[in-house]
Amino acid sequence: MDNIEVISLSTYIFMIYLLLALFIERALEILMAAFQYLEWRFGWYRYWNRKATDLQRRFDRYQKAARAHGAPIQQMLNDLLAKFVVEPAYPGGQAMVSAGLVRLNAVRLATRVIGFLLALMLVITQDLDFIQVLYRIFESALPQQKIIELLINNQTFRILLTAAAISVGAEPLHQIISKIEELAARKTKPAAQA
């Protein structure tokens, strides 16, 4: 295979990859909008408040236990707690768990898992295997090592890796799309005011 064919095939695969990542990103946007509507409609904020209160109690117990065991455990607990704290505690004060941050972290985790599952479903139903195709394109450039051959010959690994690549690619794509939408909104705002 000559260089032009390699470049053409690589570009084609990258384009398909971007289209699939865009599909996953937009599907997650729709699911997130539906979730936010249901959350507003049924008052699920109560759940996040209860969860934050439960976490606050649990972390308070851990804080008491950590004080007895010394500074390294205390520091590790503070680092973990910082993911849920709105602001650092005042000197001598107590750090409070935020229901908003508990929700944010739970939604982030859920969207990543759902994005991976959507990508996996797409990869399985459409019989996509980017790893195998890329390996065949660059086969002459890769040294014949047993670990690479073992991974390439394992279809389950290739499918999981392809799904992971598509789902991971959806997040930077979402950030790029958000920036473009913000830029477009800023450009149209002065025109609308005039």
Protein backbone atom coordinates (compact mmCIF):
# COMPACT_ATOMS: atom_id res chain seq x y z
CA MET A 1 0.00 0.00 0.00
CA ASP A 2 1.49 3.32 -1.04
CA ASN A 3 1.52 6.51 1.04
CA ILE A 4 -1.47 8.12 -0.73
CA GLU A 5 -3.65 5.09 -0.01
CA VAL A 6 -2.55 5.06 3.63
CA ILE A 7 -3.33 8.77 4.03
CA SER A 8 -6.69 8.42 2.26
CA LEU A 9 -7.76 5.44 4.38
CA SER A 10 -6.56 7.08 7.58
CA THR A 11 -8.50 10.26 6.75
CA TYR A 12 -11.61 8.24 5.93
CA ILE A 13 -11.41 6.33 9.22
CA PHE A 14 -10.87 9.57 11.16
CA MET A 15 -13.91 11.13 9.45
CA ILE A 16 -16.09 8.12 10.37
CA TYR A 17 -14.72 8.29 13.91
CA LEU A 18 -15.65 11.99 14.19
CA LEU A 19 -19.15 11.35 12.83
CA LEU A 20 -19.73 8.58 15.37
CA ALA A 21 -18.36 10.72 18.20
CA LEU A 22 -20.66 13.54 17.07
CA PHE A 23 -23.62 11.14 17.11
CA ILE A 24 -22.77 10.00 20.66
CA GLU A 25 -22.24 13.60 21.80
CA ARG A 26 -25.61 14.75 20.44
CA ALA A 27 -27.40 11.68 21.85
CA LEU A 28 -25.94 12.50 25.27
CA GLU A 29 -27.09 16.11 24.90
CA ILE A 30 -30.66 14.94 24.20
CA LEU A 31 -30.59 12.50 27.12
CA MET A 32 -29.22 15.21 29.40
CA ALA A 33 -31.97 17.63 28.35
CA ALA A 34 -34.60 14.96 29.05
CA PHE A 35 -32.98 14.23 32.43
CA GLN A 36 -32.98 17.92 33.37
CA TYR A 37 -36.65 18.24 32.44
CA LEU A 38 -37.57 15.18 34.52
CA GLU A 39 -35.44 16.48 37.37
CA TRP A 40 -37.28 19.81 37.30
CA ARG A 41 -40.71 18.25 36.75
CA PHE A 42 -40.51 15.73 39.60
CA GLY A 43 -38.40 17.74 42.06
CA TRP A 44 -35.43 15.41 42.14
CA TYR A 45 -33.44 18.15 43.87
CA ARG A 46 -34.67 16.57 47.12
CA TYR A 47 -32.68 13.45 46.26
CA TRP A 48 -29.46 15.44 45.74
CA ASN A 49 -30.03 17.31 49.03
CA ARG A 50 -30.52 14.01 50.88
CA LYS A 51 -27.44 12.55 49.22
CA ALA A 52 -25.35 15.59 50.23
CA THR A 53 -26.62 15.35 53.81
CA ASP A 54 -25.78 11.64 53.95
CA LEU A 55 -22.30 12.31 52.54
CA GLN A 56 -21.79 15.12 55.06
CA ARG A 57 -22.59 12.75 57.95
CA ARG A 58 -20.33 10.05 56.54
CA PHE A 59 -17.44 12.47 55.99
CA ASP A 60 -17.89 13.87 59.50
CA ARG A 61 -17.47 10.35 60.89
CA TYR A 62 -14.43 9.81 58.66
CA GLN A 63 -12.95 13.13 59.77
CA LYS A 64 -13.19 12.10 63.44
CA ALA A 65 -11.58 8.73 62.69
CA ALA A 66 -8.86 10.35 60.54
CA ARG A 67 -7.88 12.82 63.28
CA ALA A 68 -7.02 9.85 65.47
CA HIS A 69 -4.80 8.29 62.75
CA GLY A 70 -2.68 11.29 61.79
CA ALA A 71 -1.97 13.81 59.05
CA PRO A 72 -1.55 11.57 55.94
CA ILE A 73 -5.03 10.08 56.28
CA GLN A 74 -6.45 13.51 57.09
CA GLN A 75 -4.88 14.95 53.92
CA MET A 76 -6.17 12.07 51.79
CA LEU A 77 -9.67 12.59 53.20
CA ASN A 78 -9.51 16.33 52.57
CA ASP A 79 -8.49 15.68 48.94
CA LEU A 80 -11.44 13.34 48.51
CA LEU A 81 -13.81 15.74 50.24
CA ALA A 82 -12.61 18.64 48.05
CA LYS A 83 -14.50 17.12 45.11
CA PHE A 84 -17.77 17.78 46.92
CA VAL A 85 -17.00 21.04 48.74
CA VAL A 86 -18.16 24.40 47.43
CA GLU A 87 -15.49 26.42 49.23
CA PRO A 88 -12.66 25.46 51.52
CA ALA A 89 -13.57 25.64 55.18
CA TYR A 90 -12.52 28.65 57.20
CA PRO A 91 -9.59 27.99 59.55
CA GLY A 92 -11.00 25.83 62.29
CA GLY A 93 -14.31 25.57 60.45
CA GLN A 94 -16.01 22.62 58.86
CA ALA A 95 -16.13 21.85 55.14
CA MET A 96 -19.69 21.43 53.86
CA VAL A 97 -20.74 19.04 51.12
CA SER A 98 -22.56 20.73 48.24
CA ALA A 99 -25.66 19.08 46.75
CA GLY A 100 -24.84 20.83 43.45
CA LEU A 101 -21.38 19.29 43.28
CA VAL A 102 -22.68 15.86 44.31
CA ARG A 103 -25.15 16.10 41.43
CA LEU A 104 -22.50 17.37 39.01
CA ASN A 105 -20.10 14.51 39.79
CA ALA A 106 -22.88 11.90 39.59
CA VAL A 107 -24.10 13.28 36.26
CA ARG A 108 -20.55 13.36 34.86
CA LEU A 109 -20.00 9.74 35.79
CA ALA A 110 -23.40 8.71 34.44
CA THR A 111 -22.88 10.49 31.11
CA ARG A 112 -19.48 8.85 30.65
CA VAL A 113 -20.91 5.40 31.36
CA ILE A 114 -23.94 5.98 29.12
CA GLY A 115 -21.69 7.41 26.38
CA PHE A 116 -19.53 4.29 26.50
CA LEU A 117 -22.58 2.00 26.42
CA LEU A 118 -24.05 3.93 23.46
CA ALA A 119 -20.72 3.70 21.63
CA LEU A 120 -20.46 -0.01 22.44
CA MET A 121 -23.98 -0.59 21.13
CA LEU A 122 -23.12 1.33 17.97
CA VAL A 123 -19.87 -0.56 17.46
CA ILE A 124 -21.54 -3.95 17.93
CA THR A 125 -24.61 -3.25 15.80
CA GLN A 126 -22.63 -1.68 12.95
CA ASP A 127 -19.77 -4.19 13.18
CA LEU A 128 -17.13 -1.47 13.48
CA ASP A 129 -13.56 -2.44 14.24
CA PHE A 130 -11.25 0.55 13.79
CA ILE A 131 -8.37 -1.16 15.58
CA GLN A 132 -8.26 -4.04 13.09
CA VAL A 133 -8.49 -1.66 10.12
CA LEU A 134 -5.76 0.62 11.48
CA TYR A 135 -3.58 -2.38 12.23
CA ARG A 136 -3.95 -3.63 8.65
CA ILE A 137 -3.10 -0.16 7.30
CA PHE A 138 0.03 0.22 9.44
CA GLU A 139 0.93 -3.48 9.63
CA SER A 140 4.22 -3.05 7.81
CA ALA A 141 5.26 -0.22 10.14
CA LEU A 142 4.53 -2.17 13.34
CA PRO A 143 7.10 -4.64 14.53
CA GLN A 144 5.82 -8.21 14.83
CA GLN A 145 5.53 -8.41 18.58
CA LYS A 146 3.48 -11.03 20.33
CA ILE A 147 1.66 -8.62 22.64
CA ILE A 148 0.37 -6.55 19.69
CA GLU A 149 -0.71 -9.69 17.84
CA LEU A 150 -2.41 -11.02 20.96
CA LEU A 151 -4.37 -7.79 21.45
CA ILE A 152 -5.24 -7.49 17.75
CA ASN A 153 -6.45 -11.09 17.60
CA ASN A 154 -8.75 -10.58 20.62
CA GLN A 155 -12.00 -9.31 19.05
CA THR A 156 -13.59 -8.40 22.40
CA PHE A 157 -10.63 -6.18 23.26
CA ARG A 158 -10.78 -4.49 19.84
CA ILE A 159 -14.51 -3.81 20.14
CA LEU A 160 -14.16 -2.41 23.68
CA LEU A 161 -11.22 -0.25 22.62
CA THR A 162 -13.11 1.08 19.58
CA ALA A 163 -16.16 1.91 21.75
CA ALA A 164 -13.95 3.58 24.36
CA ALA A 165 -12.21 5.67 21.69
CA ILE A 166 -15.55 6.84 20.27
CA SER A 167 -17.03 7.66 23.69
CA VAL A 168 -13.88 9.47 24.84
CA GLY A 169 -13.82 11.44 21.59
CA ALA A 170 -17.34 12.72 22.27
CA GLU A 171 -16.20 14.86 25.23
CA PRO A 172 -13.62 17.07 23.44
CA LEU A 173 -16.04 17.30 20.55
CA HIS A 174 -18.70 18.55 22.96
CA GLN A 175 -16.32 21.21 24.27
CA ILE A 176 -15.46 22.35 20.74
CA ILE A 177 -19.15 22.54 19.78
CA SER A 178 -19.93 24.47 22.97
CA LYS A 179 -17.17 27.00 22.19
CA ILE A 180 -18.47 27.44 18.63
CA GLU A 181 -22.03 27.93 19.91
CA GLU A 182 -20.82 30.52 22.48
CA LEU A 183 -18.88 32.36 19.79
CA ALA A 184 -21.92 32.37 17.47
CA ALA A 185 -24.13 33.62 20.32
CA ARG A 186 -21.68 36.47 21.07
CA LYS A 187 -21.55 37.48 17.41
CA THR A 188 -25.34 37.51 17.00
CA LYS A 189 -26.01 39.29 20.31
CA PRO A 190 -24.73 42.75 19.24
CA ALA A 191 -26.61 42.46 15.95
CA ALA A 192 -29.85 41.66 17.79
CA GLN A 193 -29.43 44.66 20.14
CA ALA A 194 -28.85 47.14 17.27
